[in-house]
Every structure is written in structure tokens, then in C-alpha cells.
Amino acid sequence: MTDGKKLEKILKALANHRRLAILKYLLVKKSGTVGDVAGIIKLSFKSTSRHLAILRGGEIVEREQVGVLANYSLAQPVDPIVRTVISRL
């Protein structure tokens, strides 16, 4: 993926208040399941899962399968653009 295309994916993933709320949650809590995140941001499980998939597609969050649950956390290392945005949340 070229730098321009990667940047476009990141910026599109960040351009939503729900996804920014998810990032703020993960910044504080370090990780969480779809259910954890959905409860905090007051959104359905399905919609939260969709937002997390978009963040994963932008390589902003990582998913780790633990049994039947998937834990999400900020991707490491954090992209400088993402770091700048979440530092303002």
C-alpha cells in the first residue's frame, strides 16, 4: 500500500465521532471486547463491531482472539497521525 493510500485509509477511519470515542476508550483502558466498547459508547454490538472493523482496516487497532472473545487494542506502534489525533481526545 502506498503512503498516500495508507494515509487516506487512516484519515477515513478517524473521520467519525463514534470511532474517535472507541479510540479514547482504548487509550484509557488499553483493551476491550466489542461488548465492553459498545456499552461505554452506547451503541449496538453490531454497529460497534463494524466501527472496529473499519479501525482495523486502517491498521489503527489490533484484534487478539482470546477463546470466544476478541480483545481490541491500539495497534503498536501507533502511527504518528493517529498518535496526534488521540492525544487531542
Protein backbone atom coordinates (compact mmCIF):
# COMPACT_ATOMS: atom_id res chain seq x y z
CA MET A 1 0.00 0.00 0.00
CA THR A 2 1.41 3.41 -0.91
CA ASP A 3 1.83 6.07 1.71
CA GLY A 4 -0.97 8.12 0.11
CA LYS A 5 -3.41 5.22 0.17
CA LYS A 6 -2.48 4.31 3.74
CA LEU A 7 -2.95 7.92 4.83
CA GLU A 8 -6.34 8.01 3.12
CA LYS A 9 -7.47 4.84 4.95
CA ILE A 10 -6.31 6.23 8.30
CA LEU A 11 -8.00 9.58 7.81
CA LYS A 12 -11.27 7.98 6.69
CA ALA A 13 -11.21 5.68 9.71
CA LEU A 14 -10.65 8.64 12.04
CA ALA A 15 -13.37 10.77 10.46
CA ASN A 16 -16.21 9.58 12.70
CA HIS A 17 -17.12 10.62 16.25
CA ARG A 18 -18.02 7.04 17.26
CA ARG A 19 -14.64 5.72 16.16
CA LEU A 20 -12.92 8.56 17.99
CA ALA A 21 -14.87 7.56 21.12
CA ILE A 22 -13.66 3.97 20.64
CA LEU A 23 -10.06 5.18 20.39
CA LYS A 24 -10.47 7.30 23.51
CA TYR A 25 -11.78 4.23 25.37
CA LEU A 26 -8.89 2.05 24.17
CA LEU A 27 -6.39 4.76 25.05
CA VAL A 28 -7.61 4.76 28.65
CA LYS A 29 -8.47 1.08 29.16
CA LYS A 30 -5.73 -0.35 26.87
CA SER A 31 -8.04 -3.08 25.54
CA GLY A 32 -11.65 -4.19 25.44
CA THR A 33 -14.14 -6.52 23.78
CA VAL A 34 -16.83 -5.38 21.37
CA GLY A 35 -19.34 -5.67 24.21
CA ASP A 36 -17.20 -3.56 26.55
CA VAL A 37 -16.79 -0.83 23.97
CA ALA A 38 -20.44 -0.93 22.88
CA GLY A 39 -21.60 -0.45 26.47
CA ILE A 40 -19.39 2.56 27.02
CA ILE A 41 -20.16 4.37 23.77
CA LYS A 42 -23.85 3.40 23.94
CA LEU A 43 -24.04 1.75 20.53
CA SER A 44 -25.28 -1.65 19.39
CA PHE A 45 -22.91 -4.61 19.31
CA LYS A 46 -23.26 -4.88 15.52
CA SER A 47 -22.52 -1.18 14.88
CA THR A 48 -19.59 -1.20 17.29
CA SER A 49 -18.20 -4.28 15.57
CA ARG A 50 -18.47 -2.52 12.22
CA HIS A 51 -16.62 0.56 13.54
CA LEU A 52 -13.88 -1.65 15.00
CA ALA A 53 -13.53 -3.40 11.62
CA ILE A 54 -13.01 -0.03 9.93
CA LEU A 55 -10.37 0.89 12.52
CA ARG A 56 -8.70 -2.48 11.93
CA GLY A 57 -8.74 -1.86 8.19
CA GLY A 58 -6.89 1.40 8.78
CA GLU A 59 -4.40 -0.51 10.93
CA ILE A 60 -5.33 1.67 13.91
CA VAL A 61 -6.47 -1.13 16.21
CA GLU A 62 -5.43 -4.76 16.61
CA ARG A 63 -7.57 -7.73 17.49
CA GLU A 64 -6.48 -10.64 19.65
CA GLN A 65 -8.72 -13.68 19.89
CA VAL A 66 -9.00 -14.99 23.47
CA GLY A 67 -11.25 -18.03 23.47
CA VAL A 68 -14.61 -16.93 22.14
CA LEU A 69 -13.91 -13.23 22.80
CA ALA A 70 -11.88 -10.81 20.71
CA ASN A 71 -9.94 -8.12 22.55
CA TYR A 72 -9.19 -4.90 20.71
CA SER A 73 -6.32 -2.54 21.48
CA LEU A 74 -4.45 0.26 19.76
CA ALA A 75 -2.11 -1.09 17.09
CA GLN A 76 1.55 -0.95 18.04
CA PRO A 77 3.49 1.02 17.14
CA VAL A 78 0.90 3.79 17.00
CA ASP A 79 1.03 5.65 13.68
CA PRO A 80 2.22 9.27 14.21
CA ILE A 81 -1.00 10.66 12.68
CA VAL A 82 -3.13 8.51 14.97
CA ARG A 83 -0.97 9.49 17.96
CA THR A 84 -1.54 13.18 17.16
CA VAL A 85 -5.31 12.72 16.88
CA ILE A 86 -5.75 10.64 20.04
CA SER A 87 -3.55 12.99 22.04
CA ARG A 88 -6.27 15.60 21.45
CA LEU A 89 -9.16 13.41 22.64
